[in-house]
Amino acid sequence: MHEMHEMHEMHSADGFGPKMLADVKPPFVPEGASGMTVLVEWAPGDPGTPPHRHSGPCFGYVIEGAVRWELEGEPEHVIKAGETFWEPGGEVIHYQNGNASSEVPAKYIVFMMCAPNQPMLTLVDDEELEQRAHLRAPRPTD
């Protein structure tokens, strides 16, 4: 679902200057979209936002700590400080975005493309979660 392109190094020999962190092509960008940049900070152990979706694609960078990440159809994984993420938006459910650690805070920046006249984030109700359960990747076992 999420194709990553080869990363291109653009920084200078002394380590300063631009450095490509991610190069992705979202499946769609809503016509007339606006952009919103948000700083998200989760306390240790915070589970984050309940299952939700976004009206357009989102792109982010973890600044501190680690974030537990799960999008519909993909296995849950942890994104650590210095790593990037993105999600396509639209109908895809975002199940997890909380702090992966019970000991230290997590912080990330996310740039979201908002469809006109739609909320950027919509929570998904239990009935829809049940209807789409077959699209969720298998859960990790303890």
N, C-alpha and C. Protein backbone atom coordinates (compact mmCIF):
# COMPACT_ATOMS: atom_id res chain seq x y z
N MET A 1 0.82 -1.18 0.00
CA MET A 1 0.00 0.00 0.00
C MET A 1 0.87 1.26 0.00
N HIS A 2 1.90 1.29 0.79
CA HIS A 2 2.72 2.49 0.93
C HIS A 2 4.07 2.24 0.26
N GLU A 3 4.23 2.74 -0.95
CA GLU A 3 5.48 2.55 -1.68
C GLU A 3 6.47 3.63 -1.27
N MET A 4 7.63 3.24 -0.86
CA MET A 4 8.69 4.18 -0.50
C MET A 4 9.68 4.24 -1.65
N HIS A 5 10.09 5.42 -2.00
CA HIS A 5 11.07 5.61 -3.06
C HIS A 5 12.46 5.67 -2.43
N GLU A 6 13.47 5.46 -3.24
CA GLU A 6 14.84 5.54 -2.76
C GLU A 6 15.08 6.91 -2.14
N MET A 7 15.72 6.92 -0.98
CA MET A 7 16.01 8.20 -0.32
C MET A 7 17.24 8.83 -0.97
N HIS A 8 17.15 10.12 -1.19
CA HIS A 8 18.23 10.86 -1.83
C HIS A 8 18.94 11.72 -0.80
N GLU A 9 20.21 11.54 -0.65
CA GLU A 9 20.99 12.35 0.27
C GLU A 9 21.30 13.70 -0.37
N MET A 10 20.97 14.78 0.32
CA MET A 10 21.20 16.11 -0.21
C MET A 10 22.05 16.96 0.72
N HIS A 11 22.51 16.40 1.84
CA HIS A 11 23.29 17.22 2.76
C HIS A 11 24.73 17.32 2.28
N SER A 12 25.42 18.34 2.78
CA SER A 12 26.79 18.59 2.35
C SER A 12 27.77 17.67 3.07
N ALA A 13 29.01 17.73 2.66
CA ALA A 13 30.05 16.87 3.24
C ALA A 13 30.22 17.12 4.73
N ASP A 14 29.94 18.34 5.20
CA ASP A 14 30.08 18.63 6.63
C ASP A 14 28.85 18.22 7.45
N GLY A 15 27.85 17.61 6.79
CA GLY A 15 26.67 17.12 7.49
C GLY A 15 25.54 18.12 7.61
N PHE A 16 25.75 19.34 7.13
CA PHE A 16 24.70 20.35 7.20
C PHE A 16 23.97 20.46 5.88
N GLY A 17 22.82 21.08 5.89
CA GLY A 17 22.02 21.26 4.68
C GLY A 17 20.86 20.30 4.64
N PRO A 18 20.09 20.35 3.58
CA PRO A 18 18.90 19.48 3.48
C PRO A 18 19.28 18.01 3.40
N LYS A 19 18.46 17.19 3.99
CA LYS A 19 18.61 15.73 3.92
C LYS A 19 17.23 15.14 3.70
N MET A 20 17.07 14.39 2.64
CA MET A 20 15.78 13.77 2.32
C MET A 20 15.43 12.76 3.40
N LEU A 21 14.26 12.90 3.99
CA LEU A 21 13.81 11.97 5.02
C LEU A 21 12.80 10.98 4.48
N ALA A 22 11.97 11.42 3.55
CA ALA A 22 10.96 10.53 2.95
C ALA A 22 10.56 11.10 1.60
N ASP A 23 10.23 10.20 0.69
CA ASP A 23 9.77 10.58 -0.64
C ASP A 23 8.63 9.63 -0.98
N VAL A 24 7.40 10.10 -0.87
CA VAL A 24 6.23 9.24 -1.08
C VAL A 24 5.27 9.90 -2.05
N LYS A 25 4.47 9.09 -2.69
CA LYS A 25 3.43 9.60 -3.56
C LYS A 25 2.09 9.10 -3.03
N PRO A 26 1.29 10.00 -2.42
CA PRO A 26 0.00 9.56 -1.89
C PRO A 26 -0.93 9.16 -3.02
N PRO A 27 -1.89 8.28 -2.74
CA PRO A 27 -2.81 7.83 -3.78
C PRO A 27 -3.74 8.94 -4.26
N PHE A 28 -3.98 9.95 -3.43
CA PHE A 28 -4.83 11.07 -3.84
C PHE A 28 -4.52 12.28 -2.96
N VAL A 29 -4.78 13.44 -3.48
CA VAL A 29 -4.76 14.68 -2.72
C VAL A 29 -6.10 15.34 -3.00
N PRO A 30 -6.89 15.61 -1.96
CA PRO A 30 -8.21 16.20 -2.20
C PRO A 30 -8.10 17.52 -2.96
N GLU A 31 -8.95 17.70 -3.97
CA GLU A 31 -8.95 18.95 -4.71
C GLU A 31 -9.30 20.09 -3.77
N GLY A 32 -8.55 21.17 -3.85
CA GLY A 32 -8.79 22.33 -2.99
C GLY A 32 -8.31 22.13 -1.56
N ALA A 33 -7.45 21.12 -1.33
CA ALA A 33 -6.98 20.81 0.02
C ALA A 33 -6.22 21.99 0.64
N SER A 34 -6.28 22.05 1.95
CA SER A 34 -5.45 22.98 2.70
C SER A 34 -4.49 22.16 3.55
N GLY A 35 -3.44 22.78 4.03
CA GLY A 35 -2.45 22.07 4.84
C GLY A 35 -2.53 22.49 6.29
N MET A 36 -2.26 21.54 7.18
CA MET A 36 -2.27 21.79 8.62
C MET A 36 -1.06 21.07 9.22
N THR A 37 -0.24 21.79 9.97
CA THR A 37 0.89 21.16 10.65
C THR A 37 0.61 21.15 12.14
N VAL A 38 0.75 19.97 12.76
CA VAL A 38 0.39 19.79 14.16
C VAL A 38 1.55 19.14 14.91
N LEU A 39 1.82 19.64 16.11
CA LEU A 39 2.77 19.01 17.01
C LEU A 39 1.96 18.13 17.96
N VAL A 40 2.27 16.83 18.01
CA VAL A 40 1.56 15.88 18.88
C VAL A 40 2.54 15.43 19.96
N GLU A 41 2.10 15.53 21.20
CA GLU A 41 2.91 15.09 22.34
C GLU A 41 2.08 14.14 23.19
N TRP A 42 2.60 12.92 23.40
CA TRP A 42 1.91 11.94 24.23
C TRP A 42 2.75 11.66 25.47
N ALA A 43 2.09 11.64 26.64
CA ALA A 43 2.74 11.28 27.89
C ALA A 43 3.11 9.79 27.85
N PRO A 44 4.01 9.35 28.72
CA PRO A 44 4.33 7.93 28.77
C PRO A 44 3.07 7.08 28.90
N GLY A 45 2.96 6.05 28.06
CA GLY A 45 1.84 5.12 28.12
C GLY A 45 0.55 5.61 27.50
N ASP A 46 0.50 6.84 27.01
CA ASP A 46 -0.74 7.36 26.43
C ASP A 46 -1.07 6.57 25.16
N PRO A 47 -2.29 6.02 25.06
CA PRO A 47 -2.64 5.22 23.87
C PRO A 47 -2.88 6.06 22.62
N GLY A 48 -2.97 7.37 22.75
CA GLY A 48 -3.18 8.22 21.59
C GLY A 48 -4.65 8.35 21.22
N THR A 49 -4.89 8.73 19.99
CA THR A 49 -6.24 8.97 19.50
C THR A 49 -6.94 7.64 19.23
N PRO A 50 -8.22 7.52 19.61
CA PRO A 50 -8.96 6.29 19.27
C PRO A 50 -9.00 6.10 17.75
N PRO A 51 -9.42 4.92 17.27
CA PRO A 51 -9.47 4.68 15.82
C PRO A 51 -10.18 5.83 15.09
N HIS A 52 -9.54 6.26 14.00
CA HIS A 52 -10.01 7.44 13.27
C HIS A 52 -9.56 7.38 11.82
N ARG A 53 -9.98 8.36 11.04
CA ARG A 53 -9.48 8.52 9.68
C ARG A 53 -9.30 10.00 9.42
N HIS A 54 -8.53 10.29 8.38
CA HIS A 54 -8.26 11.67 7.98
C HIS A 54 -8.84 11.92 6.60
N SER A 55 -9.21 13.18 6.32
CA SER A 55 -9.82 13.51 5.04
C SER A 55 -8.81 13.61 3.89
N GLY A 56 -7.54 13.60 4.21
CA GLY A 56 -6.50 13.64 3.20
C GLY A 56 -5.24 12.98 3.73
N PRO A 57 -4.19 12.91 2.93
CA PRO A 57 -2.95 12.26 3.36
C PRO A 57 -2.23 13.05 4.45
N CYS A 58 -1.46 12.32 5.25
CA CYS A 58 -0.70 12.91 6.36
C CYS A 58 0.74 12.42 6.28
N PHE A 59 1.67 13.30 6.65
CA PHE A 59 3.09 13.00 6.60
C PHE A 59 3.71 13.47 7.91
N GLY A 60 4.56 12.65 8.54
CA GLY A 60 5.10 13.06 9.83
C GLY A 60 6.50 12.60 10.10
N TYR A 61 7.01 13.12 11.22
CA TYR A 61 8.38 12.87 11.67
C TYR A 61 8.37 12.77 13.19
N VAL A 62 8.90 11.69 13.73
CA VAL A 62 8.97 11.50 15.18
C VAL A 62 10.21 12.23 15.70
N ILE A 63 9.99 13.15 16.63
CA ILE A 63 11.07 13.98 17.19
C ILE A 63 11.68 13.32 18.41
N GLU A 64 10.83 12.79 19.29
CA GLU A 64 11.30 12.18 20.55
C GLU A 64 10.51 10.91 20.83
N GLY A 65 11.18 9.96 21.48
CA GLY A 65 10.50 8.74 21.90
C GLY A 65 10.16 7.83 20.73
N ALA A 66 9.04 7.14 20.87
CA ALA A 66 8.60 6.18 19.86
C ALA A 66 7.08 6.13 19.86
N VAL A 67 6.51 5.91 18.68
CA VAL A 67 5.07 5.91 18.50
C VAL A 67 4.62 4.54 17.98
N ARG A 68 3.58 3.98 18.61
CA ARG A 68 3.00 2.72 18.14
C ARG A 68 2.03 3.08 17.02
N TRP A 69 2.23 2.51 15.84
CA TRP A 69 1.52 2.92 14.63
C TRP A 69 0.80 1.74 14.01
N GLU A 70 -0.46 1.95 13.65
CA GLU A 70 -1.19 0.89 12.96
C GLU A 70 -2.23 1.51 12.04
N LEU A 71 -2.10 1.20 10.76
CA LEU A 71 -3.08 1.59 9.75
C LEU A 71 -3.82 0.34 9.28
N GLU A 72 -5.03 0.52 8.86
CA GLU A 72 -5.85 -0.59 8.36
C GLU A 72 -5.10 -1.36 7.27
N GLY A 73 -5.05 -2.68 7.43
CA GLY A 73 -4.42 -3.54 6.44
C GLY A 73 -2.93 -3.72 6.63
N GLU A 74 -2.34 -3.01 7.60
CA GLU A 74 -0.89 -3.12 7.83
C GLU A 74 -0.64 -3.56 9.26
N PRO A 75 0.43 -4.33 9.49
CA PRO A 75 0.73 -4.74 10.86
C PRO A 75 1.16 -3.55 11.71
N GLU A 76 0.82 -3.63 12.97
CA GLU A 76 1.26 -2.63 13.95
C GLU A 76 2.79 -2.62 13.99
N HIS A 77 3.37 -1.42 14.12
CA HIS A 77 4.81 -1.32 14.27
C HIS A 77 5.16 -0.07 15.06
N VAL A 78 6.42 0.06 15.43
CA VAL A 78 6.88 1.21 16.22
C VAL A 78 7.74 2.10 15.34
N ILE A 79 7.47 3.40 15.39
CA ILE A 79 8.25 4.39 14.66
C ILE A 79 9.05 5.17 15.71
N LYS A 80 10.36 5.17 15.57
CA LYS A 80 11.26 5.76 16.56
C LYS A 80 11.68 7.17 16.17
N ALA A 81 12.20 7.90 17.16
CA ALA A 81 12.70 9.26 16.92
C ALA A 81 13.66 9.24 15.74
N GLY A 82 13.49 10.21 14.83
CA GLY A 82 14.32 10.30 13.63
C GLY A 82 13.74 9.59 12.43
N GLU A 83 12.61 8.90 12.61
CA GLU A 83 11.98 8.18 11.51
C GLU A 83 10.72 8.91 11.05
N THR A 84 10.32 8.65 9.81
CA THR A 84 9.15 9.29 9.23
C THR A 84 7.99 8.30 9.10
N PHE A 85 6.81 8.85 8.84
CA PHE A 85 5.63 8.04 8.57
C PHE A 85 4.73 8.83 7.63
N TRP A 86 3.79 8.11 7.03
CA TRP A 86 2.74 8.76 6.26
C TRP A 86 1.55 7.83 6.19
N GLU A 87 0.41 8.41 5.91
CA GLU A 87 -0.79 7.61 5.71
C GLU A 87 -1.60 8.24 4.59
N PRO A 88 -2.37 7.42 3.88
CA PRO A 88 -3.05 7.91 2.69
C PRO A 88 -4.28 8.78 2.97
N GLY A 89 -4.88 8.64 4.14
CA GLY A 89 -6.13 9.35 4.40
C GLY A 89 -7.29 8.69 3.68
N GLY A 90 -8.40 9.39 3.57
CA GLY A 90 -9.58 8.82 2.92
C GLY A 90 -10.26 7.81 3.82
N GLU A 91 -10.57 6.64 3.28
CA GLU A 91 -11.33 5.62 4.01
C GLU A 91 -10.48 4.78 4.96
N VAL A 92 -9.16 4.82 4.82
CA VAL A 92 -8.27 3.98 5.64
C VAL A 92 -8.39 4.36 7.12
N ILE A 93 -8.61 3.36 7.97
CA ILE A 93 -8.70 3.60 9.41
C ILE A 93 -7.30 3.61 10.02
N HIS A 94 -7.06 4.59 10.86
CA HIS A 94 -5.82 4.69 11.62
C HIS A 94 -6.14 4.19 13.03
N TYR A 95 -5.67 2.99 13.35
CA TYR A 95 -6.02 2.35 14.62
C TYR A 95 -5.19 2.84 15.80
N GLN A 96 -3.89 3.05 15.60
CA GLN A 96 -3.02 3.41 16.71
C GLN A 96 -2.04 4.50 16.32
N ASN A 97 -1.81 5.44 17.26
CA ASN A 97 -0.80 6.47 17.08
C ASN A 97 -0.24 6.93 18.42
N GLY A 98 -0.34 6.08 19.44
CA GLY A 98 0.04 6.46 20.80
C GLY A 98 1.50 6.21 21.12
N ASN A 99 1.86 6.56 22.35
CA ASN A 99 3.23 6.40 22.83
C ASN A 99 3.54 4.91 23.01
N ALA A 100 4.63 4.46 22.42
CA ALA A 100 5.03 3.05 22.52
C ALA A 100 5.75 2.76 23.84
N SER A 101 6.05 3.80 24.61
CA SER A 101 6.80 3.62 25.86
C SER A 101 5.95 4.01 27.07
N SER A 102 6.11 3.26 28.14
CA SER A 102 5.44 3.61 29.39
C SER A 102 6.37 4.43 30.28
N GLU A 103 7.58 4.76 29.78
CA GLU A 103 8.56 5.45 30.61
C GLU A 103 8.93 6.86 30.15
N VAL A 104 8.87 7.12 28.85
CA VAL A 104 9.28 8.44 28.34
C VAL A 104 8.21 9.00 27.40
N PRO A 105 8.11 10.33 27.30
CA PRO A 105 7.14 10.92 26.37
C PRO A 105 7.49 10.65 24.91
N ALA A 106 6.51 10.83 24.04
CA ALA A 106 6.72 10.75 22.60
C ALA A 106 6.23 12.06 21.99
N LYS A 107 6.93 12.50 20.94
CA LYS A 107 6.57 13.76 20.29
C LYS A 107 6.81 13.61 18.80
N TYR A 108 5.81 14.05 18.01
CA TYR A 108 5.99 14.05 16.56
C TYR A 108 5.27 15.22 15.93
N ILE A 109 5.73 15.57 14.73
CA ILE A 109 5.11 16.60 13.92
C ILE A 109 4.43 15.91 12.75
N VAL A 110 3.21 16.34 12.45
CA VAL A 110 2.49 15.76 11.32
C VAL A 110 1.91 16.90 10.47
N PHE A 111 2.10 16.77 9.14
CA PHE A 111 1.52 17.69 8.17
C PHE A 111 0.35 16.96 7.53
N MET A 112 -0.84 17.54 7.64
CA MET A 112 -2.05 16.89 7.14
C MET A 112 -2.67 17.73 6.04
N MET A 113 -3.09 17.08 4.98
CA MET A 113 -3.79 17.76 3.90
C MET A 113 -5.28 17.56 4.12
N CYS A 114 -5.99 18.66 4.33
CA CYS A 114 -7.40 18.63 4.70
C CYS A 114 -8.29 18.83 3.48
N ALA A 115 -9.27 17.95 3.30
CA ALA A 115 -10.26 18.13 2.24
C ALA A 115 -11.16 19.31 2.62
N PRO A 116 -11.55 20.11 1.64
CA PRO A 116 -12.41 21.26 1.95
C PRO A 116 -13.74 20.83 2.58
N ASN A 117 -14.17 21.61 3.56
CA ASN A 117 -15.46 21.41 4.23
C ASN A 117 -15.62 20.05 4.89
N GLN A 118 -14.51 19.43 5.24
CA GLN A 118 -14.54 18.16 5.98
C GLN A 118 -13.61 18.29 7.18
N PRO A 119 -13.94 17.60 8.28
CA PRO A 119 -13.01 17.64 9.42
C PRO A 119 -11.71 16.91 9.06
N MET A 120 -10.62 17.34 9.64
CA MET A 120 -9.34 16.67 9.39
C MET A 120 -9.34 15.27 10.00
N LEU A 121 -10.01 15.12 11.14
CA LEU A 121 -10.00 13.84 11.84
C LEU A 121 -11.43 13.48 12.20
N THR A 122 -11.81 12.23 11.89
CA THR A 122 -13.14 11.73 12.24
C THR A 122 -12.96 10.41 12.98
N LEU A 123 -13.52 10.32 14.19
CA LEU A 123 -13.45 9.07 14.94
C LEU A 123 -14.35 8.03 14.28
N VAL A 124 -13.93 6.77 14.35
CA VAL A 124 -14.67 5.66 13.75
C VAL A 124 -15.46 4.97 14.85
N ASP A 125 -16.76 4.78 14.65
CA ASP A 125 -17.60 4.18 15.69
C ASP A 125 -17.43 2.66 15.72
N ASP A 126 -17.90 2.07 16.83
CA ASP A 126 -17.74 0.62 17.05
C ASP A 126 -18.40 -0.21 15.96
N GLU A 127 -19.54 0.23 15.47
CA GLU A 127 -20.25 -0.52 14.43
C GLU A 127 -19.40 -0.62 13.16
N GLU A 128 -18.81 0.50 12.74
CA GLU A 128 -17.97 0.47 11.54
C GLU A 128 -16.71 -0.34 11.78
N LEU A 129 -16.12 -0.23 12.98
CA LEU A 129 -14.93 -1.05 13.29
C LEU A 129 -15.26 -2.53 13.14
N GLU A 130 -16.43 -2.93 13.60
CA GLU A 130 -16.83 -4.34 13.48
C GLU A 130 -17.03 -4.72 12.01
N GLN A 131 -17.65 -3.85 11.23
CA GLN A 131 -17.90 -4.13 9.82
C GLN A 131 -16.59 -4.26 9.03
N ARG A 132 -15.56 -3.53 9.44
CA ARG A 132 -14.30 -3.51 8.70
C ARG A 132 -13.21 -4.36 9.37
N ALA A 133 -13.56 -5.13 10.39
CA ALA A 133 -12.59 -5.91 11.15
C ALA A 133 -11.77 -6.84 10.24
N HIS A 134 -12.37 -7.36 9.18
CA HIS A 134 -11.66 -8.26 8.26
C HIS A 134 -10.53 -7.56 7.52
N LEU A 135 -10.52 -6.22 7.50
CA LEU A 135 -9.46 -5.46 6.81
C LEU A 135 -8.26 -5.17 7.72
N ARG A 136 -8.42 -5.41 9.02
CA ARG A 136 -7.34 -5.14 9.97
C ARG A 136 -6.33 -6.27 9.93
N ALA A 137 -5.05 -5.91 9.98
CA ALA A 137 -3.98 -6.91 9.99
C ALA A 137 -4.07 -7.74 11.28
N PRO A 138 -3.58 -8.98 11.25
CA PRO A 138 -3.60 -9.79 12.47
C PRO A 138 -2.88 -9.07 13.61
N ARG A 139 -3.42 -9.21 14.81
CA ARG A 139 -2.86 -8.57 16.00
C ARG A 139 -1.66 -9.37 16.51
N PRO A 140 -0.65 -8.65 17.03
CA PRO A 140 0.49 -9.37 17.63
C PRO A 140 0.02 -10.18 18.83
N THR A 141 0.65 -11.31 19.05
CA THR A 141 0.29 -12.14 20.19
C THR A 141 1.35 -12.00 21.27
N ASP A 142 0.92 -12.11 22.51
CA ASP A 142 1.87 -12.01 23.65
C ASP A 142 2.56 -13.32 23.89
